[in-house]
Amino acid sequence: MWLSFDEWNVWYRARSGDAVDGRRQFAPRLLEEVYNLEDALLAGGFVNTLLRNSDRVRVGCLAQLINVIAPLVTNETGVLRQSTYYPYAWGIRYARGRVLDVRVEVETYPITGAGLQADFARNDQVPFVDVVATHDAPNRQASVLMLNRDLEGERELVLDWGELTPTRVLACETLTGPDLKAFNIFDAPTRVAPQRLDAPAPGARMTFRLPPRSYTVVQFATV
């Protein structure tokens, strides 16, 4: 059985008041959620989860793309990239080919279901680092998307490629920052934006240092 995971998104603020009342205006601004770094990391986790389950999830559509709970927001003169734009765009641009069966060994932290929605919340252990990798064999490229959920500390990630050997780093960027509540506005459109991350030399075994509260993408050429 194949699944379509339709209209996924982050939406928890713009649900009442002026956000849902157009007050009889022409083309009112409705449900325009303002996304911050925290929301971008959650979106990155969604992207990784959908890719990791791509043997069953064949379609995973974002709910809306422009203005209404969307990664892109417009005004009279331009377009603003919200924080959630980048994880979504990275998934589309870099996650090509086949999703690899990645075995991850990482420390975990506890979560509790107390006070959350009872039908799915539970007490559990969550890995600090979430990793998904893809291999585009015809184009000889591989990509890795890495979420570091640790809010305080850098996490070291060692990639052991086995038979697949990266030969050159094509891209390496991270989305991070000191303030989880930071968000972009038209007057400050790059408060939450990708930063260059130094990648280790390509090879069969590579060690990444992932910043705290970050979502990172790296793409390689392979043999």
N, C-alpha and C. Protein backbone atom coordinates (compact mmCIF):
# COMPACT_ATOMS: atom_id res chain seq x y z
N MET A 1 0.84 -1.20 0.00
CA MET A 1 0.00 0.00 0.00
C MET A 1 0.88 1.25 0.00
N TRP A 2 0.63 2.16 -0.92
CA TRP A 2 1.34 3.43 -0.98
C TRP A 2 0.48 4.54 -0.41
N LEU A 3 1.12 5.53 0.19
CA LEU A 3 0.40 6.58 0.90
C LEU A 3 0.69 7.95 0.28
N SER A 4 -0.31 8.81 0.34
CA SER A 4 -0.14 10.23 0.02
C SER A 4 -0.30 11.01 1.32
N PHE A 5 0.78 11.63 1.78
CA PHE A 5 0.75 12.42 3.02
C PHE A 5 0.45 13.86 2.62
N ASP A 6 -0.82 14.18 2.55
CA ASP A 6 -1.26 15.42 1.91
C ASP A 6 -1.43 16.55 2.92
N GLU A 7 -1.07 17.76 2.51
CA GLU A 7 -1.26 19.01 3.25
C GLU A 7 -0.62 18.98 4.64
N TRP A 8 0.66 18.62 4.67
CA TRP A 8 1.39 18.71 5.94
C TRP A 8 1.96 20.12 6.07
N ASN A 9 2.11 20.58 7.29
CA ASN A 9 2.67 21.90 7.53
C ASN A 9 2.76 22.15 9.03
N VAL A 10 3.32 23.31 9.39
CA VAL A 10 3.33 23.80 10.76
C VAL A 10 2.27 24.88 10.86
N TRP A 11 1.37 24.76 11.84
CA TRP A 11 0.29 25.74 11.96
C TRP A 11 -0.27 25.70 13.38
N TYR A 12 0.02 26.71 14.17
CA TYR A 12 -0.50 26.70 15.53
C TYR A 12 -0.76 28.10 16.09
N ARG A 13 -0.44 29.17 15.36
CA ARG A 13 -0.67 30.52 15.87
C ARG A 13 -1.88 31.20 15.20
N ALA A 14 -1.84 31.26 13.88
CA ALA A 14 -2.84 32.04 13.13
C ALA A 14 -4.12 31.24 12.97
N ARG A 15 -4.85 31.07 14.07
CA ARG A 15 -6.04 30.23 14.05
C ARG A 15 -7.30 30.95 14.52
N SER A 16 -7.19 32.20 14.95
CA SER A 16 -8.36 32.90 15.48
C SER A 16 -8.19 34.40 15.30
N GLY A 17 -9.21 35.17 15.69
CA GLY A 17 -9.14 36.63 15.65
C GLY A 17 -8.96 37.15 14.24
N ASP A 18 -8.08 38.14 14.08
CA ASP A 18 -7.87 38.77 12.78
C ASP A 18 -7.31 37.79 11.75
N ALA A 19 -6.69 36.72 12.20
CA ALA A 19 -6.11 35.76 11.26
C ALA A 19 -7.17 35.02 10.45
N VAL A 20 -8.40 34.98 10.97
CA VAL A 20 -9.46 34.26 10.27
C VAL A 20 -10.64 35.16 9.90
N ASP A 21 -10.54 36.45 10.20
CA ASP A 21 -11.64 37.39 9.95
C ASP A 21 -11.19 38.43 8.92
N GLY A 22 -11.71 38.34 7.71
CA GLY A 22 -11.33 39.27 6.66
C GLY A 22 -11.97 40.63 6.76
N ARG A 23 -12.96 40.79 7.66
CA ARG A 23 -13.63 42.08 7.90
C ARG A 23 -14.10 42.73 6.58
N ARG A 24 -14.58 41.90 5.68
CA ARG A 24 -15.17 42.34 4.41
C ARG A 24 -14.19 43.12 3.54
N GLN A 25 -12.90 42.90 3.73
CA GLN A 25 -11.90 43.57 2.90
C GLN A 25 -11.69 42.79 1.61
N PHE A 26 -11.14 43.47 0.61
CA PHE A 26 -10.74 42.80 -0.63
C PHE A 26 -9.39 42.12 -0.41
N ALA A 27 -9.31 40.85 -0.75
CA ALA A 27 -8.08 40.06 -0.61
C ALA A 27 -7.43 40.26 0.76
N PRO A 28 -8.13 39.97 1.85
CA PRO A 28 -7.54 40.17 3.18
C PRO A 28 -6.42 39.17 3.44
N ARG A 29 -5.55 39.52 4.39
CA ARG A 29 -4.47 38.62 4.80
C ARG A 29 -5.03 37.65 5.84
N LEU A 30 -5.16 36.40 5.47
CA LEU A 30 -5.74 35.40 6.35
C LEU A 30 -4.76 34.24 6.57
N LEU A 31 -4.73 33.74 7.79
CA LEU A 31 -3.94 32.56 8.15
C LEU A 31 -2.47 32.70 7.75
N GLU A 32 -1.93 33.92 7.87
CA GLU A 32 -0.53 34.14 7.52
C GLU A 32 0.35 33.88 8.75
N GLU A 33 0.64 32.61 8.94
CA GLU A 33 1.51 32.18 10.04
C GLU A 33 2.92 32.76 9.85
N VAL A 34 3.48 33.29 10.92
CA VAL A 34 4.86 33.81 10.89
C VAL A 34 5.77 32.72 11.45
N TYR A 35 6.67 32.22 10.62
CA TYR A 35 7.49 31.07 10.99
C TYR A 35 8.86 31.50 11.49
N ASN A 36 9.31 30.84 12.56
CA ASN A 36 10.62 31.16 13.15
C ASN A 36 11.59 29.99 12.97
N LEU A 37 12.78 30.11 13.57
CA LEU A 37 13.78 29.05 13.45
C LEU A 37 13.26 27.74 14.02
N GLU A 38 12.57 27.79 15.13
CA GLU A 38 12.00 26.60 15.75
C GLU A 38 11.09 25.86 14.76
N ASP A 39 10.26 26.61 14.04
CA ASP A 39 9.37 26.01 13.06
C ASP A 39 10.14 25.41 11.89
N ALA A 40 11.24 26.06 11.50
CA ALA A 40 12.06 25.55 10.40
C ALA A 40 12.68 24.21 10.77
N LEU A 41 13.13 24.06 12.01
CA LEU A 41 13.71 22.78 12.43
C LEU A 41 12.65 21.69 12.42
N LEU A 42 11.43 22.04 12.83
CA LEU A 42 10.34 21.07 12.78
C LEU A 42 10.05 20.67 11.33
N ALA A 43 10.04 21.65 10.43
CA ALA A 43 9.82 21.35 9.02
C ALA A 43 10.91 20.43 8.48
N GLY A 44 12.16 20.66 8.90
CA GLY A 44 13.24 19.77 8.50
C GLY A 44 13.03 18.35 9.00
N GLY A 45 12.51 18.23 10.22
CA GLY A 45 12.19 16.90 10.74
C GLY A 45 11.10 16.22 9.93
N PHE A 46 10.10 17.00 9.48
CA PHE A 46 9.05 16.45 8.60
C PHE A 46 9.67 15.94 7.31
N VAL A 47 10.54 16.75 6.70
CA VAL A 47 11.17 16.36 5.44
C VAL A 47 11.93 15.04 5.61
N ASN A 48 12.72 14.94 6.68
CA ASN A 48 13.48 13.72 6.91
C ASN A 48 12.57 12.52 7.12
N THR A 49 11.49 12.71 7.88
CA THR A 49 10.58 11.61 8.16
C THR A 49 9.89 11.12 6.89
N LEU A 50 9.45 12.06 6.05
CA LEU A 50 8.79 11.67 4.80
C LEU A 50 9.76 10.93 3.89
N LEU A 51 11.00 11.42 3.80
CA LEU A 51 11.98 10.74 2.95
C LEU A 51 12.29 9.34 3.49
N ARG A 52 12.44 9.23 4.80
CA ARG A 52 12.80 7.95 5.40
C ARG A 52 11.70 6.90 5.16
N ASN A 53 10.49 7.35 4.99
CA ASN A 53 9.36 6.44 4.76
C ASN A 53 8.89 6.44 3.31
N SER A 54 9.80 6.79 2.40
CA SER A 54 9.40 6.91 1.00
C SER A 54 9.10 5.57 0.33
N ASP A 55 9.39 4.46 1.00
CA ASP A 55 8.97 3.17 0.45
C ASP A 55 7.46 3.03 0.51
N ARG A 56 6.81 3.83 1.36
CA ARG A 56 5.35 3.82 1.45
C ARG A 56 4.75 5.17 1.09
N VAL A 57 5.40 6.27 1.49
CA VAL A 57 4.88 7.61 1.18
C VAL A 57 5.42 8.04 -0.18
N ARG A 58 4.59 7.98 -1.20
CA ARG A 58 5.02 8.32 -2.55
C ARG A 58 4.75 9.79 -2.88
N VAL A 59 3.84 10.43 -2.15
CA VAL A 59 3.55 11.85 -2.35
C VAL A 59 3.45 12.50 -0.98
N GLY A 60 4.14 13.64 -0.79
CA GLY A 60 4.07 14.37 0.48
C GLY A 60 3.94 15.85 0.20
N CYS A 61 2.71 16.34 0.04
CA CYS A 61 2.47 17.71 -0.41
C CYS A 61 2.40 18.68 0.76
N LEU A 62 3.15 19.78 0.66
CA LEU A 62 3.01 20.86 1.63
C LEU A 62 1.63 21.49 1.45
N ALA A 63 1.04 21.95 2.56
CA ALA A 63 -0.36 22.41 2.53
C ALA A 63 -0.55 23.57 1.56
N GLN A 64 0.16 24.67 1.75
CA GLN A 64 0.10 25.81 0.84
C GLN A 64 1.51 26.34 0.64
N LEU A 65 1.72 27.04 -0.46
CA LEU A 65 3.05 27.54 -0.79
C LEU A 65 3.21 29.05 -0.64
N ILE A 66 2.12 29.80 -0.80
CA ILE A 66 2.22 31.25 -0.78
C ILE A 66 1.16 31.84 0.15
N ASN A 67 1.61 32.65 1.10
CA ASN A 67 0.80 33.46 2.02
C ASN A 67 0.07 32.65 3.09
N VAL A 68 -0.87 31.80 2.74
CA VAL A 68 -1.66 31.08 3.73
C VAL A 68 -0.83 29.94 4.30
N ILE A 69 -0.48 30.02 5.60
CA ILE A 69 0.42 29.07 6.29
C ILE A 69 1.49 28.55 5.33
N ALA A 70 2.29 29.47 4.81
CA ALA A 70 3.15 29.15 3.68
C ALA A 70 4.60 29.59 3.90
N PRO A 71 5.53 28.94 3.20
CA PRO A 71 6.94 29.34 3.30
C PRO A 71 7.27 30.63 2.55
N LEU A 72 6.41 31.05 1.66
CA LEU A 72 6.60 32.29 0.92
C LEU A 72 5.47 33.26 1.23
N VAL A 73 5.83 34.52 1.48
CA VAL A 73 4.84 35.55 1.80
C VAL A 73 5.07 36.73 0.86
N THR A 74 3.99 37.29 0.36
CA THR A 74 4.11 38.42 -0.56
C THR A 74 3.57 39.70 0.07
N ASN A 75 4.07 40.82 -0.43
CA ASN A 75 3.42 42.11 -0.18
C ASN A 75 3.28 42.81 -1.53
N GLU A 76 3.06 44.10 -1.52
CA GLU A 76 2.79 44.80 -2.77
C GLU A 76 4.00 44.84 -3.69
N THR A 77 5.19 44.64 -3.17
CA THR A 77 6.39 44.83 -3.99
C THR A 77 7.31 43.62 -4.08
N GLY A 78 7.10 42.59 -3.27
CA GLY A 78 8.07 41.51 -3.30
C GLY A 78 7.61 40.24 -2.64
N VAL A 79 8.55 39.30 -2.50
CA VAL A 79 8.31 37.99 -1.91
C VAL A 79 9.33 37.77 -0.79
N LEU A 80 8.87 37.27 0.34
CA LEU A 80 9.72 36.98 1.49
C LEU A 80 9.83 35.48 1.68
N ARG A 81 11.06 34.99 1.83
CA ARG A 81 11.29 33.59 2.19
C ARG A 81 11.21 33.46 3.71
N GLN A 82 10.22 32.74 4.19
CA GLN A 82 10.14 32.46 5.62
C GLN A 82 11.15 31.36 5.98
N SER A 83 11.34 31.16 7.28
CA SER A 83 12.36 30.20 7.73
C SER A 83 12.09 28.79 7.21
N THR A 84 10.81 28.41 7.12
CA THR A 84 10.46 27.06 6.71
C THR A 84 10.70 26.81 5.22
N TYR A 85 10.96 27.87 4.48
CA TYR A 85 11.23 27.71 3.04
C TYR A 85 12.46 26.84 2.81
N TYR A 86 13.49 27.03 3.61
CA TYR A 86 14.78 26.42 3.31
C TYR A 86 14.79 24.90 3.47
N PRO A 87 14.28 24.31 4.56
CA PRO A 87 14.25 22.85 4.63
C PRO A 87 13.43 22.23 3.50
N TYR A 88 12.31 22.86 3.18
CA TYR A 88 11.46 22.35 2.11
C TYR A 88 12.19 22.42 0.78
N ALA A 89 12.83 23.55 0.49
CA ALA A 89 13.56 23.73 -0.77
C ALA A 89 14.74 22.76 -0.86
N TRP A 90 15.44 22.54 0.27
CA TRP A 90 16.56 21.61 0.26
C TRP A 90 16.10 20.19 -0.07
N GLY A 91 14.97 19.79 0.51
CA GLY A 91 14.45 18.46 0.21
C GLY A 91 14.16 18.29 -1.28
N ILE A 92 13.57 19.31 -1.88
CA ILE A 92 13.25 19.25 -3.31
C ILE A 92 14.51 19.26 -4.16
N ARG A 93 15.46 20.10 -3.80
CA ARG A 93 16.65 20.27 -4.63
C ARG A 93 17.66 19.14 -4.49
N TYR A 94 17.88 18.68 -3.27
CA TYR A 94 19.00 17.77 -3.04
C TYR A 94 18.60 16.31 -2.87
N ALA A 95 17.41 16.02 -2.38
CA ALA A 95 17.03 14.63 -2.08
C ALA A 95 16.53 13.95 -3.35
N ARG A 96 17.46 13.51 -4.18
CA ARG A 96 17.13 12.89 -5.46
C ARG A 96 17.59 11.44 -5.47
N GLY A 97 16.93 10.65 -6.31
CA GLY A 97 17.32 9.25 -6.45
C GLY A 97 16.68 8.37 -5.40
N ARG A 98 17.46 7.47 -4.84
CA ARG A 98 16.97 6.52 -3.84
C ARG A 98 17.36 6.95 -2.43
N VAL A 99 16.46 6.71 -1.50
CA VAL A 99 16.76 6.96 -0.09
C VAL A 99 17.53 5.76 0.45
N LEU A 100 18.67 6.03 1.06
CA LEU A 100 19.52 4.96 1.57
C LEU A 100 19.01 4.44 2.92
N ASP A 101 19.31 3.20 3.20
CA ASP A 101 18.99 2.60 4.50
C ASP A 101 20.10 2.98 5.47
N VAL A 102 19.88 4.03 6.22
CA VAL A 102 20.91 4.58 7.11
C VAL A 102 20.74 4.01 8.51
N ARG A 103 21.81 3.49 9.06
CA ARG A 103 21.79 3.00 10.44
C ARG A 103 22.49 4.03 11.31
N VAL A 104 21.75 4.59 12.25
CA VAL A 104 22.25 5.70 13.07
C VAL A 104 22.40 5.25 14.51
N GLU A 105 23.57 5.51 15.07
CA GLU A 105 23.81 5.29 16.49
C GLU A 105 24.06 6.64 17.13
N VAL A 106 23.17 7.04 18.05
CA VAL A 106 23.23 8.39 18.59
C VAL A 106 22.61 8.42 19.99
N GLU A 107 23.03 9.37 20.80
CA GLU A 107 22.44 9.54 22.12
C GLU A 107 20.99 10.03 21.99
N THR A 108 20.21 9.75 23.01
CA THR A 108 18.80 10.15 23.01
C THR A 108 18.48 11.00 24.23
N TYR A 109 17.31 11.63 24.20
CA TYR A 109 16.81 12.36 25.36
C TYR A 109 15.35 11.99 25.58
N PRO A 110 14.86 12.07 26.82
CA PRO A 110 13.48 11.63 27.11
C PRO A 110 12.45 12.71 26.77
N ILE A 111 11.29 12.27 26.33
CA ILE A 111 10.13 13.16 26.17
C ILE A 111 8.97 12.54 26.92
N THR A 112 7.99 13.36 27.26
CA THR A 112 6.83 12.88 27.99
C THR A 112 5.56 13.29 27.27
N GLY A 113 4.57 12.44 27.31
CA GLY A 113 3.29 12.73 26.67
C GLY A 113 2.33 13.50 27.55
N ALA A 114 2.73 13.81 28.78
CA ALA A 114 1.84 14.50 29.71
C ALA A 114 1.42 15.86 29.15
N GLY A 115 0.11 16.10 29.13
CA GLY A 115 -0.42 17.38 28.69
C GLY A 115 -0.56 17.52 27.19
N LEU A 116 -0.17 16.49 26.42
CA LEU A 116 -0.28 16.54 24.96
C LEU A 116 -1.46 15.70 24.49
N GLN A 117 -1.71 15.72 23.20
CA GLN A 117 -2.86 15.01 22.66
C GLN A 117 -2.73 13.52 22.93
N ALA A 118 -3.71 12.97 23.57
CA ALA A 118 -3.59 11.63 24.13
C ALA A 118 -3.52 10.52 23.08
N ASP A 119 -4.07 10.74 21.88
CA ASP A 119 -4.14 9.64 20.93
C ASP A 119 -2.80 9.30 20.28
N PHE A 120 -1.81 10.20 20.36
CA PHE A 120 -0.51 9.84 19.81
C PHE A 120 0.67 10.22 20.70
N ALA A 121 0.48 11.09 21.69
CA ALA A 121 1.58 11.48 22.57
C ALA A 121 1.94 10.33 23.50
N ARG A 122 3.23 10.21 23.80
CA ARG A 122 3.67 9.11 24.65
C ARG A 122 5.01 9.46 25.29
N ASN A 123 5.35 8.74 26.33
CA ASN A 123 6.68 8.82 26.89
C ASN A 123 7.63 8.02 26.00
N ASP A 124 8.78 8.61 25.69
CA ASP A 124 9.67 7.94 24.75
C ASP A 124 11.07 8.53 24.84
N GLN A 125 11.98 7.98 24.06
CA GLN A 125 13.34 8.50 23.91
C GLN A 125 13.51 8.96 22.46
N VAL A 126 14.05 10.16 22.26
CA VAL A 126 14.20 10.75 20.94
C VAL A 126 15.68 10.96 20.65
N PRO A 127 16.16 10.59 19.47
CA PRO A 127 17.57 10.80 19.13
C PRO A 127 17.88 12.28 18.96
N PHE A 128 19.04 12.71 19.46
CA PHE A 128 19.45 14.10 19.28
C PHE A 128 19.65 14.43 17.81
N VAL A 129 20.16 13.48 17.04
CA VAL A 129 20.46 13.73 15.63
C VAL A 129 19.60 12.84 14.75
N ASP A 130 18.96 13.45 13.77
CA ASP A 130 18.12 12.76 12.80
C ASP A 130 18.80 12.88 11.44
N VAL A 131 19.01 11.75 10.77
CA VAL A 131 19.78 11.74 9.51
C VAL A 131 19.02 10.98 8.44
N VAL A 132 19.01 11.55 7.23
CA VAL A 132 18.51 10.83 6.05
C VAL A 132 19.48 11.09 4.91
N ALA A 133 19.70 10.08 4.07
CA ALA A 133 20.65 10.20 2.96
C ALA A 133 20.03 9.66 1.68
N THR A 134 20.38 10.27 0.56
CA THR A 134 19.89 9.83 -0.74
C THR A 134 21.06 9.64 -1.70
N HIS A 135 20.85 8.79 -2.70
CA HIS A 135 21.88 8.52 -3.70
C HIS A 135 21.26 8.62 -5.09
N ASP A 136 21.76 9.56 -5.87
CA ASP A 136 21.32 9.75 -7.25
C ASP A 136 22.37 9.12 -8.16
N ALA A 137 22.22 7.82 -8.42
CA ALA A 137 23.25 7.07 -9.14
C ALA A 137 23.50 7.59 -10.56
N PRO A 138 22.44 7.89 -11.36
CA PRO A 138 22.71 8.36 -12.73
C PRO A 138 23.55 9.63 -12.78
N ASN A 139 23.37 10.52 -11.81
CA ASN A 139 24.12 11.78 -11.79
C ASN A 139 25.35 11.72 -10.88
N ARG A 140 25.59 10.55 -10.27
CA ARG A 140 26.74 10.34 -9.39
C ARG A 140 26.80 11.39 -8.28
N GLN A 141 25.71 11.48 -7.56
CA GLN A 141 25.62 12.43 -6.45
C GLN A 141 24.95 11.76 -5.26
N ALA A 142 25.30 12.22 -4.08
CA ALA A 142 24.66 11.78 -2.84
C ALA A 142 24.42 13.00 -1.96
N SER A 143 23.36 12.96 -1.17
CA SER A 143 23.02 14.07 -0.27
C SER A 143 22.68 13.53 1.11
N VAL A 144 22.96 14.34 2.12
CA VAL A 144 22.62 13.99 3.50
C VAL A 144 21.94 15.19 4.14
N LEU A 145 20.81 14.96 4.78
CA LEU A 145 20.07 15.99 5.51
C LEU A 145 20.11 15.63 6.99
N MET A 146 20.60 16.56 7.82
CA MET A 146 20.90 16.26 9.22
C MET A 146 20.23 17.27 10.15
N LEU A 147 19.42 16.80 11.06
CA LEU A 147 18.76 17.64 12.05
C LEU A 147 19.41 17.41 13.41
N ASN A 148 19.93 18.48 14.03
CA ASN A 148 20.46 18.40 15.39
C ASN A 148 19.44 19.01 16.33
N ARG A 149 18.79 18.17 17.12
CA ARG A 149 17.76 18.62 18.05
C ARG A 149 18.34 19.14 19.37
N ASP A 150 19.62 18.98 19.56
CA ASP A 150 20.26 19.46 20.80
C ASP A 150 20.23 20.99 20.80
N LEU A 151 19.54 21.58 21.76
CA LEU A 151 19.38 23.04 21.80
C LEU A 151 20.60 23.74 22.36
N GLU A 152 21.46 23.03 23.02
CA GLU A 152 22.58 23.66 23.72
C GLU A 152 23.94 23.33 23.12
N GLY A 153 24.11 22.14 22.57
CA GLY A 153 25.45 21.71 22.21
C GLY A 153 25.61 21.24 20.78
N GLU A 154 26.84 21.39 20.30
CA GLU A 154 27.23 20.86 19.00
C GLU A 154 27.22 19.33 19.09
N ARG A 155 26.88 18.69 17.99
CA ARG A 155 26.90 17.23 17.93
C ARG A 155 27.82 16.76 16.82
N GLU A 156 28.64 15.79 17.12
CA GLU A 156 29.55 15.23 16.14
C GLU A 156 28.88 14.05 15.45
N LEU A 157 28.92 14.05 14.13
CA LEU A 157 28.31 12.98 13.35
C LEU A 157 29.37 12.39 12.42
N VAL A 158 29.61 11.09 12.55
CA VAL A 158 30.57 10.39 11.70
C VAL A 158 29.79 9.61 10.65
N LEU A 159 30.05 9.90 9.38
CA LEU A 159 29.43 9.18 8.27
C LEU A 159 30.41 8.14 7.74
N ASP A 160 30.00 6.89 7.76
CA ASP A 160 30.79 5.80 7.21
C ASP A 160 30.06 5.31 5.97
N TRP A 161 30.60 5.60 4.79
CA TRP A 161 29.89 5.39 3.54
C TRP A 161 29.94 3.96 3.02
N GLY A 162 30.80 3.14 3.54
CA GLY A 162 30.88 1.78 3.02
C GLY A 162 31.39 1.77 1.59
N GLU A 163 30.60 1.16 0.68
CA GLU A 163 31.03 1.04 -0.71
C GLU A 163 30.84 2.32 -1.51
N LEU A 164 30.04 3.25 -1.02
CA LEU A 164 29.78 4.50 -1.73
C LEU A 164 30.79 5.55 -1.26
N THR A 165 31.59 6.10 -2.18
CA THR A 165 32.67 7.00 -1.79
C THR A 165 32.46 8.40 -2.36
N PRO A 166 32.23 9.41 -1.51
CA PRO A 166 32.19 10.80 -1.98
C PRO A 166 33.57 11.25 -2.45
N THR A 167 33.59 12.02 -3.54
CA THR A 167 34.86 12.51 -4.07
C THR A 167 34.99 14.03 -4.00
N ARG A 168 33.85 14.73 -3.90
CA ARG A 168 33.91 16.19 -3.89
C ARG A 168 32.65 16.74 -3.22
N VAL A 169 32.81 17.77 -2.39
CA VAL A 169 31.66 18.43 -1.76
C VAL A 169 31.09 19.46 -2.73
N LEU A 170 29.82 19.30 -3.07
CA LEU A 170 29.15 20.22 -3.99
C LEU A 170 28.41 21.34 -3.26
N ALA A 171 27.93 21.05 -2.06
CA ALA A 171 27.21 22.06 -1.28
C ALA A 171 27.21 21.63 0.18
N CYS A 172 27.28 22.60 1.08
CA CYS A 172 27.20 22.31 2.51
C CYS A 172 26.71 23.56 3.22
N GLU A 173 25.46 23.53 3.68
CA GLU A 173 24.84 24.68 4.33
C GLU A 173 24.10 24.24 5.58
N THR A 174 23.93 25.16 6.51
CA THR A 174 23.17 24.87 7.71
C THR A 174 22.24 26.01 8.04
N LEU A 175 21.13 25.68 8.67
CA LEU A 175 20.16 26.66 9.15
C LEU A 175 20.18 26.60 10.66
N THR A 176 20.66 27.68 11.29
CA THR A 176 20.81 27.68 12.74
C THR A 176 20.79 29.12 13.24
N GLY A 177 20.97 29.30 14.54
CA GLY A 177 21.00 30.63 15.12
C GLY A 177 20.83 30.56 16.62
N PRO A 178 21.14 31.66 17.32
CA PRO A 178 21.06 31.66 18.78
C PRO A 178 19.64 31.77 19.33
N ASP A 179 18.70 32.21 18.49
CA ASP A 179 17.34 32.50 18.97
C ASP A 179 16.33 31.66 18.21
N LEU A 180 15.73 30.68 18.88
CA LEU A 180 14.73 29.83 18.24
C LEU A 180 13.50 30.61 17.78
N LYS A 181 13.26 31.76 18.38
CA LYS A 181 12.06 32.54 18.06
C LYS A 181 12.32 33.58 16.96
N ALA A 182 13.52 33.62 16.41
CA ALA A 182 13.85 34.58 15.36
C ALA A 182 13.07 34.25 14.09
N PHE A 183 12.63 35.30 13.38
CA PHE A 183 11.87 35.10 12.14
C PHE A 183 12.22 36.21 11.16
N ASN A 184 11.92 35.97 9.89
CA ASN A 184 12.22 36.93 8.84
C ASN A 184 11.06 37.88 8.60
N ILE A 185 11.38 39.12 8.28
CA ILE A 185 10.39 40.11 7.86
C ILE A 185 10.94 40.80 6.61
N PHE A 186 10.11 41.57 5.94
CA PHE A 186 10.55 42.20 4.69
C PHE A 186 11.72 43.15 4.92
N ASP A 187 11.75 43.81 6.08
CA ASP A 187 12.86 44.72 6.37
C ASP A 187 14.11 43.99 6.87
N ALA A 188 13.97 42.74 7.24
CA ALA A 188 15.12 41.92 7.70
C ALA A 188 14.91 40.49 7.20
N PRO A 189 15.11 40.27 5.90
CA PRO A 189 14.74 38.99 5.29
C PRO A 189 15.71 37.85 5.53
N THR A 190 16.85 38.10 6.18
CA THR A 190 17.85 37.04 6.35
C THR A 190 18.18 36.78 7.82
N ARG A 191 17.27 37.11 8.72
CA ARG A 191 17.51 36.76 10.12
C ARG A 191 17.68 35.25 10.27
N VAL A 192 16.84 34.49 9.57
CA VAL A 192 16.94 33.03 9.57
C VAL A 192 17.18 32.62 8.12
N ALA A 193 18.42 32.33 7.80
CA ALA A 193 18.81 32.00 6.43
C ALA A 193 19.99 31.05 6.46
N PRO A 194 20.22 30.29 5.40
CA PRO A 194 21.33 29.34 5.37
C PRO A 194 22.68 30.01 5.56
N GLN A 195 23.54 29.30 6.26
CA GLN A 195 24.92 29.71 6.44
C GLN A 195 25.84 28.61 5.90
N ARG A 196 26.99 29.02 5.41
CA ARG A 196 27.96 28.03 4.93
C ARG A 196 28.51 27.25 6.13
N LEU A 197 28.62 25.95 5.96
CA LEU A 197 29.20 25.10 7.00
C LEU A 197 30.43 24.41 6.42
N ASP A 198 31.52 24.44 7.16
CA ASP A 198 32.74 23.77 6.70
C ASP A 198 32.52 22.26 6.70
N ALA A 199 32.73 21.66 5.55
CA ALA A 199 32.58 20.20 5.42
C ALA A 199 33.93 19.54 5.54
N PRO A 200 33.98 18.34 6.09
CA PRO A 200 35.25 17.60 6.13
C PRO A 200 35.66 17.17 4.72
N ALA A 201 36.90 16.81 4.56
CA ALA A 201 37.38 16.32 3.28
C ALA A 201 36.58 15.08 2.88
N PRO A 202 36.15 15.00 1.61
CA PRO A 202 35.36 13.84 1.19
C PRO A 202 36.17 12.56 1.26
N GLY A 203 35.48 11.49 1.61
CA GLY A 203 36.13 10.20 1.73
C GLY A 203 35.17 9.16 2.26
N ALA A 204 35.66 7.96 2.47
CA ALA A 204 34.81 6.86 2.92
C ALA A 204 34.30 7.08 4.35
N ARG A 205 35.03 7.90 5.13
CA ARG A 205 34.62 8.19 6.51
C ARG A 205 34.78 9.69 6.74
N MET A 206 33.70 10.36 7.14
CA MET A 206 33.70 11.81 7.28
C MET A 206 33.07 12.19 8.61
N THR A 207 33.63 13.20 9.26
CA THR A 207 33.12 13.66 10.56
C THR A 207 32.59 15.08 10.44
N PHE A 208 31.31 15.24 10.73
CA PHE A 208 30.66 16.56 10.70
C PHE A 208 30.46 17.06 12.13
N ARG A 209 30.55 18.35 12.29
CA ARG A 209 30.24 18.99 13.57
C ARG A 209 29.00 19.85 13.35
N LEU A 210 27.87 19.36 13.83
CA LEU A 210 26.59 20.01 13.60
C LEU A 210 26.31 21.04 14.69
N PRO A 211 26.04 22.29 14.32
CA PRO A 211 25.75 23.32 15.33
C PRO A 211 24.51 22.94 16.14
N PRO A 212 24.39 23.46 17.36
CA PRO A 212 23.16 23.23 18.12
C PRO A 212 21.96 23.80 17.37
N ARG A 213 20.76 23.19 17.62
CA ARG A 213 19.50 23.63 17.00
C ARG A 213 19.69 23.99 15.52
N SER A 214 20.00 22.96 14.73
CA SER A 214 20.34 23.22 13.34
C SER A 214 19.78 22.15 12.42
N TYR A 215 19.60 22.55 11.17
CA TYR A 215 19.24 21.62 10.08
C TYR A 215 20.27 21.85 8.97
N THR A 216 20.91 20.80 8.54
CA THR A 216 22.07 20.91 7.66
C THR A 216 21.90 20.02 6.45
N VAL A 217 22.35 20.50 5.29
CA VAL A 217 22.38 19.70 4.07
C VAL A 217 23.78 19.68 3.50
N VAL A 218 24.19 18.52 3.00
CA VAL A 218 25.47 18.42 2.29
C VAL A 218 25.23 17.55 1.06
N GLN A 219 25.82 17.96 -0.05
CA GLN A 219 25.72 17.19 -1.28
C GLN A 219 27.11 16.89 -1.80
N PHE A 220 27.32 15.65 -2.27
CA PHE A 220 28.61 15.20 -2.75
C PHE A 220 28.52 14.70 -4.19
N ALA A 221 29.64 14.80 -4.88
CA ALA A 221 29.85 13.99 -6.08
C ALA A 221 30.39 12.63 -5.64
N THR A 222 30.02 11.56 -6.32
CA THR A 222 30.44 10.22 -5.93
C THR A 222 31.00 9.46 -7.13
N VAL A 223 31.68 8.38 -6.85
CA VAL A 223 32.17 7.50 -7.92
C VAL A 223 31.26 6.27 -7.99
